């Protein structure tokens, strides 16, 4: 009986996380006209830009000729911290200087540092020269 109670306590204790341990859900509905000068870095495959939107900003990464990846800049490790933000990108690797986590921009997965969860992904679609980012 004691083992069942202990097992139930452990299950409840370790499975319940605080709400602030998750990246918030916010509405995203953004159109980027890729012909505008402020988005010119996206003309080259492998380049990225930061834009406003999402929880702590959005990373727009040009993965291929007609493919883009879009992620929230909020780091998935302790996202409630004010510093939990992707600060830079180096060779398709997003870096959070707050916790030193690194994420692959090809799919948002962490590969170094304490983060275990991927970056929050936003859907996108390309119609002509307009990239639509949404959730």
N, C-alpha and C. Protein backbone atom coordinates (compact mmCIF):
# COMPACT_ATOMS: atom_id res chain seq x y z
N UNK A 1 0.82 -1.20 0.00
CA UNK A 1 0.00 0.00 0.00
C UNK A 1 0.86 1.26 0.00
N UNK A 2 1.93 1.24 0.82
CA UNK A 2 2.83 2.40 0.89
C UNK A 2 3.50 2.63 -0.47
N UNK A 3 3.82 1.55 -1.18
CA UNK A 3 4.47 1.67 -2.48
C UNK A 3 3.52 2.32 -3.48
N UNK A 4 2.25 1.96 -3.44
CA UNK A 4 1.28 2.57 -4.35
C UNK A 4 1.13 4.06 -4.08
N UNK A 5 1.05 4.42 -2.83
CA UNK A 5 0.91 5.84 -2.47
C UNK A 5 2.16 6.60 -2.90
N UNK A 6 3.33 6.03 -2.63
CA UNK A 6 4.58 6.67 -3.03
C UNK A 6 4.66 6.80 -4.55
N UNK A 7 4.27 5.75 -5.27
CA UNK A 7 4.30 5.80 -6.74
C UNK A 7 3.33 6.86 -7.26
N UNK A 8 2.14 6.93 -6.68
CA UNK A 8 1.16 7.94 -7.09
C UNK A 8 1.68 9.34 -6.81
N UNK A 9 2.28 9.55 -5.65
CA UNK A 9 2.84 10.86 -5.30
C UNK A 9 3.93 11.25 -6.29
N UNK A 10 4.84 10.33 -6.58
CA UNK A 10 5.93 10.62 -7.52
C UNK A 10 5.38 10.95 -8.91
N UNK A 11 4.40 10.20 -9.35
CA UNK A 11 3.81 10.45 -10.66
C UNK A 11 3.19 11.83 -10.72
N UNK A 12 2.42 12.18 -9.71
CA UNK A 12 1.78 13.50 -9.69
C UNK A 12 2.79 14.61 -9.53
N UNK A 13 3.78 14.42 -8.69
CA UNK A 13 4.76 15.47 -8.43
C UNK A 13 5.61 15.76 -9.66
N UNK A 14 6.08 14.71 -10.31
CA UNK A 14 7.00 14.91 -11.44
C UNK A 14 6.28 15.17 -12.76
N UNK A 15 5.00 14.86 -12.86
CA UNK A 15 4.29 15.10 -14.11
C UNK A 15 3.65 16.47 -14.15
N UNK A 16 3.50 17.11 -13.00
CA UNK A 16 2.88 18.43 -12.96
C UNK A 16 3.96 19.49 -13.03
N UNK A 17 3.93 20.26 -14.08
CA UNK A 17 4.88 21.35 -14.21
C UNK A 17 4.11 22.65 -14.17
N UNK A 18 4.82 23.69 -13.80
CA UNK A 18 4.21 25.00 -13.75
C UNK A 18 3.88 25.48 -15.16
N UNK A 19 2.84 26.27 -15.27
CA UNK A 19 2.43 26.78 -16.58
C UNK A 19 3.53 27.60 -17.23
N UNK A 20 4.33 28.31 -16.42
CA UNK A 20 5.38 29.15 -16.99
C UNK A 20 6.55 28.35 -17.53
N UNK A 21 6.54 27.03 -17.34
CA UNK A 21 7.58 26.18 -17.89
C UNK A 21 7.34 25.87 -19.37
N UNK A 22 6.27 26.37 -19.93
CA UNK A 22 5.93 26.14 -21.32
C UNK A 22 5.92 27.46 -22.09
N UNK A 23 6.24 27.40 -23.36
CA UNK A 23 6.16 28.60 -24.20
C UNK A 23 4.69 28.90 -24.44
N UNK A 24 4.32 30.13 -24.21
CA UNK A 24 2.92 30.54 -24.33
C UNK A 24 2.40 30.33 -25.75
N UNK A 25 1.10 30.15 -25.85
CA UNK A 25 0.44 30.12 -27.15
C UNK A 25 -0.09 31.51 -27.43
N UNK A 26 0.38 32.11 -28.50
CA UNK A 26 -0.09 33.42 -28.92
C UNK A 26 -0.48 33.34 -30.39
N UNK A 27 -1.37 34.21 -30.80
CA UNK A 27 -1.83 34.25 -32.19
C UNK A 27 -0.72 34.82 -33.08
N UNK A 28 -0.44 34.12 -34.17
CA UNK A 28 0.53 34.59 -35.15
C UNK A 28 -0.14 34.53 -36.52
N UNK A 29 -0.14 35.67 -37.20
CA UNK A 29 -0.72 35.79 -38.55
C UNK A 29 0.01 36.94 -39.24
N UNK A 30 1.15 36.64 -39.85
CA UNK A 30 2.05 37.65 -40.40
C UNK A 30 2.31 37.37 -41.87
N UNK A 31 2.26 38.41 -42.69
CA UNK A 31 2.65 38.31 -44.10
C UNK A 31 3.93 39.11 -44.31
N UNK A 32 4.93 38.47 -44.92
CA UNK A 32 6.18 39.15 -45.26
C UNK A 32 6.29 39.24 -46.77
N UNK A 33 6.37 40.45 -47.30
CA UNK A 33 6.61 40.66 -48.72
C UNK A 33 8.12 40.57 -48.91
N UNK A 34 8.59 39.45 -49.42
CA UNK A 34 10.02 39.17 -49.51
C UNK A 34 10.76 40.05 -50.50
N UNK A 35 10.05 40.88 -51.26
CA UNK A 35 10.72 41.81 -52.17
C UNK A 35 11.13 43.10 -51.48
N UNK A 36 10.66 43.32 -50.25
CA UNK A 36 11.00 44.55 -49.52
C UNK A 36 12.44 44.48 -49.02
N UNK A 37 13.13 45.63 -49.01
CA UNK A 37 14.55 45.66 -48.62
C UNK A 37 14.84 45.08 -47.23
N UNK A 38 13.93 45.23 -46.27
CA UNK A 38 14.20 44.73 -44.92
C UNK A 38 14.25 43.21 -44.84
N UNK A 39 13.80 42.54 -45.89
CA UNK A 39 13.83 41.08 -45.93
C UNK A 39 14.84 40.54 -46.95
N UNK A 40 15.72 41.40 -47.42
CA UNK A 40 16.66 41.02 -48.49
C UNK A 40 17.63 39.91 -48.06
N UNK A 41 17.90 39.78 -46.76
CA UNK A 41 18.78 38.70 -46.31
C UNK A 41 18.20 37.33 -46.62
N UNK A 42 16.90 37.25 -46.77
CA UNK A 42 16.25 35.96 -47.04
C UNK A 42 16.33 35.55 -48.51
N UNK A 43 17.01 36.35 -49.34
CA UNK A 43 17.17 35.99 -50.74
C UNK A 43 18.18 34.86 -50.92
N UNK A 44 18.98 34.60 -49.89
CA UNK A 44 20.01 33.57 -49.96
C UNK A 44 19.66 32.39 -49.06
N UNK A 45 19.73 31.18 -49.60
CA UNK A 45 19.49 29.97 -48.82
C UNK A 45 20.50 29.92 -47.67
N UNK A 46 20.03 29.60 -46.48
CA UNK A 46 20.89 29.51 -45.30
C UNK A 46 20.88 30.76 -44.46
N UNK A 47 20.30 31.84 -44.96
CA UNK A 47 20.22 33.09 -44.19
C UNK A 47 18.97 33.11 -43.33
N UNK A 48 18.94 34.04 -42.40
CA UNK A 48 17.82 34.17 -41.48
C UNK A 48 17.60 35.64 -41.14
N UNK A 49 16.44 35.93 -40.58
CA UNK A 49 16.16 37.24 -40.01
C UNK A 49 15.35 37.03 -38.73
N UNK A 50 15.39 38.03 -37.86
CA UNK A 50 14.52 38.07 -36.70
C UNK A 50 13.43 39.09 -36.99
N UNK A 51 12.18 38.74 -36.68
CA UNK A 51 11.08 39.69 -36.83
C UNK A 51 10.29 39.72 -35.53
N UNK A 52 9.48 40.75 -35.37
CA UNK A 52 8.60 40.81 -34.21
C UNK A 52 7.43 39.87 -34.40
N UNK A 53 6.86 39.45 -33.30
CA UNK A 53 5.73 38.54 -33.34
C UNK A 53 5.99 37.37 -32.42
N UNK A 54 5.01 36.52 -32.26
CA UNK A 54 5.15 35.38 -31.38
C UNK A 54 5.29 35.81 -29.94
N UNK A 55 5.99 35.01 -29.15
CA UNK A 55 6.19 35.32 -27.74
C UNK A 55 7.36 36.27 -27.55
N UNK A 56 8.53 35.90 -28.08
CA UNK A 56 9.73 36.72 -27.92
C UNK A 56 10.37 37.06 -29.26
N UNK A 57 9.57 37.06 -30.31
CA UNK A 57 10.08 37.31 -31.65
C UNK A 57 10.07 36.02 -32.45
N UNK A 58 10.32 36.14 -33.74
CA UNK A 58 10.28 34.99 -34.64
C UNK A 58 11.57 34.94 -35.45
N UNK A 59 12.09 33.73 -35.62
CA UNK A 59 13.23 33.48 -36.51
C UNK A 59 12.65 33.00 -37.83
N UNK A 60 13.02 33.66 -38.92
CA UNK A 60 12.64 33.20 -40.26
C UNK A 60 13.93 32.73 -40.91
N UNK A 61 13.99 31.45 -41.25
CA UNK A 61 15.19 30.83 -41.79
C UNK A 61 14.89 30.27 -43.18
N UNK A 62 15.69 30.68 -44.16
CA UNK A 62 15.49 30.15 -45.51
C UNK A 62 16.26 28.85 -45.63
N UNK A 63 15.51 27.76 -45.68
CA UNK A 63 16.12 26.44 -45.70
C UNK A 63 16.48 25.98 -47.11
N UNK A 64 15.64 26.31 -48.07
CA UNK A 64 15.88 25.88 -49.45
C UNK A 64 15.34 26.93 -50.41
N UNK A 65 15.33 26.58 -51.70
CA UNK A 65 14.89 27.53 -52.71
C UNK A 65 13.49 28.06 -52.43
N UNK A 66 12.55 27.18 -52.13
CA UNK A 66 11.17 27.58 -51.83
C UNK A 66 10.72 27.16 -50.44
N UNK A 67 11.65 26.93 -49.52
CA UNK A 67 11.25 26.46 -48.19
C UNK A 67 11.84 27.33 -47.09
N UNK A 68 11.01 27.62 -46.13
CA UNK A 68 11.37 28.44 -44.98
C UNK A 68 10.98 27.72 -43.71
N UNK A 69 11.72 27.96 -42.66
CA UNK A 69 11.39 27.47 -41.32
C UNK A 69 11.15 28.70 -40.45
N UNK A 70 10.13 28.62 -39.62
CA UNK A 70 9.79 29.75 -38.76
C UNK A 70 9.59 29.24 -37.33
N UNK A 71 10.32 29.86 -36.40
CA UNK A 71 10.30 29.44 -35.00
C UNK A 71 10.18 30.66 -34.09
N UNK A 72 9.62 30.43 -32.91
CA UNK A 72 9.61 31.47 -31.89
C UNK A 72 11.02 31.58 -31.33
N UNK A 73 11.43 32.79 -30.98
CA UNK A 73 12.76 32.99 -30.42
C UNK A 73 12.84 32.61 -28.94
N UNK A 74 11.71 32.29 -28.33
CA UNK A 74 11.69 31.89 -26.92
C UNK A 74 12.39 30.54 -26.77
N UNK A 75 13.46 30.49 -26.00
CA UNK A 75 14.18 29.25 -25.75
C UNK A 75 13.27 28.29 -24.98
N UNK A 76 13.35 27.02 -25.28
CA UNK A 76 12.49 26.03 -24.64
C UNK A 76 12.98 25.61 -23.26
N UNK A 77 14.18 26.03 -22.86
CA UNK A 77 14.67 25.72 -21.52
C UNK A 77 14.32 26.88 -20.60
N UNK A 78 13.47 26.63 -19.64
CA UNK A 78 12.99 27.65 -18.70
C UNK A 78 12.52 28.90 -19.45
N UNK A 79 11.51 28.74 -20.31
CA UNK A 79 11.07 29.84 -21.17
C UNK A 79 10.52 31.06 -20.44
N UNK A 80 10.19 30.91 -19.16
CA UNK A 80 9.65 32.05 -18.42
C UNK A 80 10.74 33.05 -18.02
N UNK A 81 12.01 32.67 -18.11
CA UNK A 81 13.09 33.61 -17.80
C UNK A 81 13.11 34.72 -18.84
N UNK A 82 13.35 35.93 -18.41
CA UNK A 82 13.36 37.06 -19.35
C UNK A 82 14.49 36.93 -20.38
N UNK A 83 15.57 36.26 -20.02
CA UNK A 83 16.70 36.12 -20.95
C UNK A 83 16.59 34.91 -21.86
N UNK A 84 15.56 34.09 -21.70
CA UNK A 84 15.41 32.85 -22.49
C UNK A 84 14.98 33.17 -23.90
N UNK A 85 15.94 33.62 -24.71
CA UNK A 85 15.65 34.07 -26.08
C UNK A 85 16.81 33.70 -26.99
N UNK A 86 16.48 33.28 -28.19
CA UNK A 86 17.51 33.00 -29.19
C UNK A 86 18.14 34.35 -29.56
N UNK A 87 19.45 34.44 -29.32
CA UNK A 87 20.17 35.70 -29.54
C UNK A 87 20.87 35.77 -30.89
N UNK A 88 21.28 34.62 -31.38
CA UNK A 88 22.06 34.63 -32.62
C UNK A 88 21.91 33.30 -33.35
N UNK A 89 22.33 33.33 -34.60
CA UNK A 89 22.34 32.13 -35.44
C UNK A 89 23.72 32.04 -36.06
N UNK A 90 24.31 30.84 -36.02
CA UNK A 90 25.62 30.63 -36.59
C UNK A 90 25.57 29.34 -37.41
N UNK A 91 25.67 29.45 -38.71
CA UNK A 91 25.67 28.28 -39.60
C UNK A 91 24.47 27.37 -39.35
N UNK A 92 23.28 27.92 -39.38
CA UNK A 92 22.01 27.21 -39.20
C UNK A 92 21.82 26.62 -37.81
N UNK A 93 22.53 27.17 -36.85
CA UNK A 93 22.38 26.77 -35.45
C UNK A 93 21.94 28.00 -34.66
N UNK A 94 20.76 27.89 -34.02
CA UNK A 94 20.24 28.97 -33.19
C UNK A 94 20.80 28.83 -31.78
N UNK A 95 21.21 29.95 -31.18
CA UNK A 95 21.90 29.92 -29.90
C UNK A 95 21.19 30.81 -28.88
N UNK A 96 20.96 30.25 -27.70
CA UNK A 96 20.43 31.01 -26.57
C UNK A 96 21.60 31.26 -25.61
N UNK A 97 22.00 32.51 -25.46
CA UNK A 97 23.13 32.83 -24.59
C UNK A 97 22.76 32.75 -23.12
N UNK A 98 21.47 32.74 -22.82
CA UNK A 98 21.01 32.67 -21.43
C UNK A 98 21.39 31.32 -20.80
N UNK A 99 21.15 30.23 -21.54
CA UNK A 99 21.43 28.89 -20.99
C UNK A 99 22.44 28.11 -21.84
N UNK A 100 22.91 28.71 -22.91
CA UNK A 100 23.86 28.08 -23.84
C UNK A 100 23.29 26.89 -24.60
N UNK A 101 21.97 26.85 -24.75
CA UNK A 101 21.36 25.81 -25.58
C UNK A 101 21.53 26.15 -27.05
N UNK A 102 21.67 25.11 -27.86
CA UNK A 102 21.80 25.28 -29.30
C UNK A 102 20.76 24.40 -29.99
N UNK A 103 20.17 24.94 -31.06
CA UNK A 103 19.09 24.26 -31.78
C UNK A 103 19.39 24.22 -33.27
N UNK A 104 19.07 23.12 -33.92
CA UNK A 104 19.20 23.02 -35.37
C UNK A 104 18.02 23.72 -36.02
N UNK A 105 18.28 24.62 -36.94
CA UNK A 105 17.18 25.32 -37.61
C UNK A 105 16.51 24.46 -38.67
N UNK A 106 17.08 23.34 -39.01
CA UNK A 106 16.44 22.45 -39.98
C UNK A 106 15.13 21.88 -39.44
N UNK A 107 15.07 21.65 -38.11
CA UNK A 107 13.84 21.12 -37.52
C UNK A 107 13.57 21.64 -36.11
N UNK A 108 14.42 22.51 -35.57
CA UNK A 108 14.21 23.11 -34.26
C UNK A 108 14.66 22.28 -33.09
N UNK A 109 15.25 21.11 -33.33
CA UNK A 109 15.63 20.25 -32.22
C UNK A 109 16.88 20.76 -31.51
N UNK A 110 16.92 20.56 -30.19
CA UNK A 110 18.13 20.93 -29.44
C UNK A 110 19.21 19.88 -29.65
N UNK A 111 20.47 20.32 -29.68
CA UNK A 111 21.54 19.33 -29.80
C UNK A 111 22.68 19.60 -28.83
N UNK A 112 22.61 20.71 -28.11
CA UNK A 112 23.65 21.01 -27.13
C UNK A 112 23.05 21.94 -26.09
N UNK A 113 23.46 21.78 -24.84
CA UNK A 113 22.96 22.61 -23.76
C UNK A 113 21.86 21.90 -22.99
N UNK A 114 21.26 22.59 -22.04
CA UNK A 114 20.27 21.94 -21.18
C UNK A 114 18.88 21.77 -21.79
N UNK A 115 18.57 22.45 -22.87
CA UNK A 115 17.23 22.34 -23.46
C UNK A 115 16.98 20.93 -23.98
N UNK A 116 15.80 20.41 -23.69
CA UNK A 116 15.40 19.08 -24.16
C UNK A 116 14.29 19.15 -25.19
N UNK A 117 13.54 20.24 -25.18
CA UNK A 117 12.42 20.40 -26.11
C UNK A 117 12.83 21.24 -27.31
N UNK A 118 12.20 21.02 -28.46
CA UNK A 118 12.54 21.83 -29.64
C UNK A 118 11.99 23.25 -29.52
N UNK A 119 12.45 24.10 -30.42
CA UNK A 119 11.89 25.44 -30.52
C UNK A 119 10.43 25.34 -30.95
N UNK A 120 9.63 26.31 -30.54
CA UNK A 120 8.22 26.34 -30.95
C UNK A 120 8.17 26.72 -32.43
N UNK A 121 7.54 25.87 -33.21
CA UNK A 121 7.48 26.06 -34.66
C UNK A 121 6.17 26.75 -35.05
N UNK A 122 6.27 27.65 -36.02
CA UNK A 122 5.08 28.25 -36.62
C UNK A 122 4.98 27.74 -38.06
N UNK A 123 3.76 27.55 -38.51
CA UNK A 123 3.54 27.13 -39.90
C UNK A 123 3.80 28.32 -40.82
N UNK A 124 4.13 28.01 -42.06
CA UNK A 124 4.29 29.08 -43.05
C UNK A 124 3.96 28.54 -44.43
N UNK A 125 3.60 29.45 -45.30
CA UNK A 125 3.34 29.09 -46.70
C UNK A 125 3.83 30.24 -47.58
N UNK A 126 4.35 29.87 -48.74
CA UNK A 126 4.88 30.84 -49.68
C UNK A 126 3.96 30.91 -50.89
N UNK A 127 3.46 32.11 -51.16
CA UNK A 127 2.61 32.34 -52.34
C UNK A 127 3.21 33.50 -53.10
N UNK A 128 3.88 33.19 -54.17
CA UNK A 128 4.59 34.24 -54.92
C UNK A 128 5.75 34.76 -54.09
N UNK A 129 5.73 36.07 -53.82
CA UNK A 129 6.77 36.71 -53.03
C UNK A 129 6.34 36.98 -51.59
N UNK A 130 5.23 36.40 -51.18
CA UNK A 130 4.72 36.66 -49.82
C UNK A 130 4.80 35.37 -49.00
N UNK A 131 5.51 35.50 -47.87
CA UNK A 131 5.61 34.39 -46.91
C UNK A 131 4.59 34.65 -45.81
N UNK A 132 3.66 33.73 -45.66
CA UNK A 132 2.63 33.84 -44.63
C UNK A 132 3.03 32.96 -43.45
N UNK A 133 3.13 33.57 -42.26
CA UNK A 133 3.51 32.85 -41.03
C UNK A 133 2.28 32.84 -40.15
N UNK A 134 1.92 31.66 -39.64
CA UNK A 134 0.67 31.56 -38.90
C UNK A 134 0.70 30.36 -37.95
N UNK A 135 -0.32 30.30 -37.12
CA UNK A 135 -0.53 29.11 -36.28
C UNK A 135 -2.00 28.79 -36.21
